[in-house]
Structure formats: structure tokens, C-alpha cells
Amino acid sequence: MKYDIIKEHLEKGGILAYPTETVWGFGADIRFSKSLERIFEIKGREAVKAMSVLVKDNYQAKRLAVVTPKTEKFLEMFWPGPVTFVLKAKESVPPVITGDTGFVGLRCSSHAFVRGLFKTFDGVITTTSANRSGEPPALRREDLSWLSENGFGEVLCVDWTEPLAVSPGSTVVKIDEAGKLECLRQGDLDFSLLSDFNSRLAAV
């Protein structure tokens, strides 16, 4: 599947199912509120919950969140990779993304498809696991057959046949305005690595 076709689909408000280095995700350009609401409907998930987004690089992250010099060191060290940083959101971030928490989860994926997409697409998309709420995440394109079977054929599924390894997803780490780290979910990246890095920064 060509990236320009995917780019056009996203820029028209379409929803994408795509692979990352952890699990398959649902993506939509965050400028389209109806598309974001549709993802919640497809997943059968409460719209009051926050939804993380995928960014191309640190520059995009700074457009969405408050990135302190200390926080930027974490981004430089662990991105791209399987870690989502939850940071103080800027006012431009839609409430449907933050879940009215004032924070936004940011992820920069190292997956070959995602890196290729961002060479063509210059926006920001959601990154929430491509599965019904409460069900196992998708690790193969075949795991998404339920979409067409349940009337969600408008979701464009990326033609990527390589299966993913079993994964708990990205590690989710909140960094508050004081620079304190909190592990919200232990995923592929061991939180102790971030904690040790934080200790080294404090010792400098």
C-alpha cells in the first residue's frame, strides 16, 4: 500500500489500522473530532478515557505538550521506541485526546511502517490498540478481520503481513511538571531503565 494513499485517507478524516513495534493501532488525524469519536465507537470504549497520539519527532511533541529540558533528555534517550510519555498538554490538544486530564500521552514509534509514513504525512495521529475494549491486542493483520465482519469496513488496514512478537504494549510513563516519574503501565521497555536514567540526570 502506497504512503500517498494512506496520507490522503488520513487527511480526509479516515481511520487507519497500522502496525507498530508493539501492537497494531488505530490512527486518525487528531484534527478530526468525529474520527476520534468513531474510534471510541469501534473499540466499544468510553469516550471519557484519554487516547495517546503518535508523533514524528521531538519537534512535534513540543507542539502538543510542555517539554522541559529534562523531559527532552528522556525523549532523546528513549525515542523512537516502545515508550509513551504522558506530559502536560498544551491548550491546542483536543479534550477528547486528554480525557479532560490536562495531560497527553505521546509516542514515537520505531516501526518501519510508521517511520515511512511520517516521511509523507506531516500530521499527528492517534495510537490506541486496534482491538475491541477488553479483548487481546492485534499482533497480525488477520486479527483485524472483525472490523469488516462488524460493519467497520471504512477502516483502512495497512497491507503489512509480518506478524509482531507478543507484546504488553508500550511502557507508559507520566512525567509531571516537577519532573517526577510515574510508571502507569509496564510494557516492552523496563521502567527501571527510565528510573536509572532519571537518577543519573539528578546526579549531574
Foldseek 3Di string as FASTA:
>chain_A
DDLVVVQVCQVVFFWAWAQFQAFIFIKHFQVDPVSLVVQCVQQVHDLLDAFAKEAAAVVVVVVFAPQDPVNVVVRVVQPQDQEWEKGQTDPVGDCSNVSPPRIHTYHYTPDPVSNVNCVPHVGMMTGDFQHHPPDDGHQALVVNPVCVVVPNVRYHYDPDGDGHDHWPTGFYWYQYPVRDIDTPDDIDDGVVVVVVVSVVVVVD
